[in-house]
């Protein structure tokens, strides 16, 4: 299951909860389930980002501009390891 799928499930739970009365216990359960889906999606996105960064690290390169006599630090995607 992807983070997008989890976010869609969270949205569905919230839509269903909105259709229930405020004192309905099912509403609370749906709201908690939506929160859980969002948290799991966030964790999955963080894991994916970490794996991408390990596979494709960012390389910092210093560039000297002789016309402006300035040095710039640029971040470029590195080669896969």
C-alpha atoms as a PDB file:
ATOM      1  CA  UNK A   1       0.000   0.000   0.000  1.00  0.00           C
ATOM      2  CA  UNK A   2       1.387   3.391  -0.964  1.00  0.00           C
ATOM      3  CA  UNK A   3       1.232   6.689   0.887  1.00  0.00           C
ATOM      4  CA  UNK A   4      -1.266   7.950  -1.702  1.00  0.00           C
ATOM      5  CA  UNK A   5      -3.557   4.994  -0.992  1.00  0.00           C
ATOM      6  CA  UNK A   6      -3.346   5.644   2.744  1.00  0.00           C
ATOM      7  CA  UNK A   7      -4.189   9.325   2.274  1.00  0.00           C
ATOM      8  CA  UNK A   8      -7.189   8.388   0.114  1.00  0.00           C
ATOM      9  CA  UNK A   9      -8.419   6.034   2.837  1.00  0.00           C
ATOM     10  CA  UNK A  10      -8.014   8.818   5.405  1.00  0.00           C
ATOM     11  CA  UNK A  11     -10.076  11.161   3.217  1.00  0.00           C
ATOM     12  CA  UNK A  12     -12.776   8.515   2.852  1.00  0.00           C
ATOM     13  CA  UNK A  13     -12.929   8.004   6.621  1.00  0.00           C
ATOM     14  CA  UNK A  14     -13.274  11.754   7.154  1.00  0.00           C
ATOM     15  CA  UNK A  15     -16.052  12.024   4.552  1.00  0.00           C
ATOM     16  CA  UNK A  16     -17.912   9.146   6.186  1.00  0.00           C
ATOM     17  CA  UNK A  17     -17.429  10.670   9.639  1.00  0.00           C
ATOM     18  CA  UNK A  18     -18.808  13.998   8.423  1.00  0.00           C
ATOM     19  CA  UNK A  19     -22.046  12.241   7.484  1.00  0.00           C
ATOM     20  CA  UNK A  20     -22.584  10.973  11.035  1.00  0.00           C
ATOM     21  CA  UNK A  21     -23.985  12.895  13.982  1.00  0.00           C
ATOM     22  CA  UNK A  22     -21.542  14.418  16.454  1.00  0.00           C
ATOM     23  CA  UNK A  23     -22.501  12.046  19.277  1.00  0.00           C
ATOM     24  CA  UNK A  24     -22.209   8.891  17.135  1.00  0.00           C
ATOM     25  CA  UNK A  25     -19.388   6.611  18.422  1.00  0.00           C
ATOM     26  CA  UNK A  26     -18.713   5.498  14.855  1.00  0.00           C
ATOM     27  CA  UNK A  27     -17.754   9.078  13.990  1.00  0.00           C
ATOM     28  CA  UNK A  28     -15.014   9.061  16.627  1.00  0.00           C
ATOM     29  CA  UNK A  29     -13.723   5.710  15.396  1.00  0.00           C
ATOM     30  CA  UNK A  30     -13.609   6.948  11.792  1.00  0.00           C
ATOM     31  CA  UNK A  31     -11.781  10.119  12.851  1.00  0.00           C
ATOM     32  CA  UNK A  32      -9.197   8.050  14.751  1.00  0.00           C
ATOM     33  CA  UNK A  33      -8.799   5.713  11.797  1.00  0.00           C
ATOM     34  CA  UNK A  34      -8.266   8.688   9.466  1.00  0.00           C
ATOM     35  CA  UNK A  35      -5.583  10.012  11.816  1.00  0.00           C
ATOM     36  CA  UNK A  36      -3.897   6.601  11.836  1.00  0.00           C
ATOM     37  CA  UNK A  37      -3.940   6.422   8.028  1.00  0.00           C
ATOM     38  CA  UNK A  38      -2.388   9.895   7.761  1.00  0.00           C
ATOM     39  CA  UNK A  39       0.355   9.011  10.265  1.00  0.00           C
ATOM     40  CA  UNK A  40       1.159   5.782   8.429  1.00  0.00           C
ATOM     41  CA  UNK A  41       1.289   7.688   5.120  1.00  0.00           C
ATOM     42  CA  UNK A  42       3.683  10.215   6.654  1.00  0.00           C
ATOM     43  CA  UNK A  43       5.948   7.420   7.956  1.00  0.00           C
ATOM     44  CA  UNK A  44       5.910   5.689   4.570  1.00  0.00           C
ATOM     45  CA  UNK A  45       6.813   8.940   2.777  1.00  0.00           C
ATOM     46  CA  UNK A  46       9.706   9.495   5.199  1.00  0.00           C
ATOM     47  CA  UNK A  47      11.004   5.970   4.549  1.00  0.00           C
ATOM     48  CA  UNK A  48      10.735   6.481   0.791  1.00  0.00           C
ATOM     49  CA  UNK A  49      12.566   9.809   0.990  1.00  0.00           C
ATOM     50  CA  UNK A  50      15.354   8.246   3.038  1.00  0.00           C
ATOM     51  CA  UNK A  51      15.734   5.373   0.566  1.00  0.00           C
ATOM     52  CA  UNK A  52      15.831   7.805  -2.373  1.00  0.00           C
ATOM     53  CA  UNK A  53      18.449   9.930  -0.677  1.00  0.00           C
ATOM     54  CA  UNK A  54      20.611   6.888  -0.006  1.00  0.00           C
ATOM     55  CA  UNK A  55      20.232   5.722  -3.599  1.00  0.00           C
ATOM     56  CA  UNK A  56      20.697   9.202  -5.097  1.00  0.00           C
ATOM     57  CA  UNK A  57      22.655  11.394  -2.704  1.00  0.00           C
ATOM     58  CA  UNK A  58      22.884  15.145  -3.210  1.00  0.00           C
ATOM     59  CA  UNK A  59      26.369  16.396  -4.034  1.00  0.00           C
ATOM     60  CA  UNK A  60      27.425  19.930  -3.142  1.00  0.00           C
ATOM     61  CA  UNK A  61      29.606  21.598  -5.762  1.00  0.00           C
ATOM     62  CA  UNK A  62      31.411  24.899  -5.388  1.00  0.00           C
ATOM     63  CA  UNK A  63      31.430  27.039  -8.559  1.00  0.00           C
ATOM     64  CA  UNK A  64      33.756  29.990  -9.041  1.00  0.00           C
ATOM     65  CA  UNK A  65      32.522  32.745 -11.357  1.00  0.00           C
ATOM     66  CA  UNK A  66      35.537  34.640 -12.691  1.00  0.00           C
ATOM     67  CA  UNK A  67      33.383  37.421 -14.175  1.00  0.00           C
ATOM     68  CA  UNK A  68      31.662  38.302 -10.903  1.00  0.00           C
ATOM     69  CA  UNK A  69      34.530  37.066  -8.713  1.00  0.00           C
ATOM     70  CA  UNK A  70      32.047  35.063  -6.683  1.00  0.00           C
ATOM     71  CA  UNK A  71      31.794  31.536  -5.389  1.00  0.00           C
ATOM     72  CA  UNK A  72      28.468  29.722  -5.358  1.00  0.00           C
ATOM     73  CA  UNK A  73      27.541  26.476  -3.650  1.00  0.00           C
ATOM     74  CA  UNK A  74      25.189  24.352  -5.761  1.00  0.00           C
ATOM     75  CA  UNK A  75      23.467  21.099  -4.845  1.00  0.00           C
ATOM     76  CA  UNK A  76      23.272  18.511  -7.597  1.00  0.00           C
ATOM     77  CA  UNK A  77      21.848  14.981  -7.574  1.00  0.00           C
ATOM     78  CA  UNK A  78      24.672  12.469  -7.345  1.00  0.00           C
ATOM     79  CA  UNK A  79      25.077   9.239  -9.248  1.00  0.00           C
ATOM     80  CA  UNK A  80      23.314   6.182  -7.852  1.00  0.00           C
ATOM     81  CA  UNK A  81      25.466   4.136  -5.527  1.00  0.00           C
END
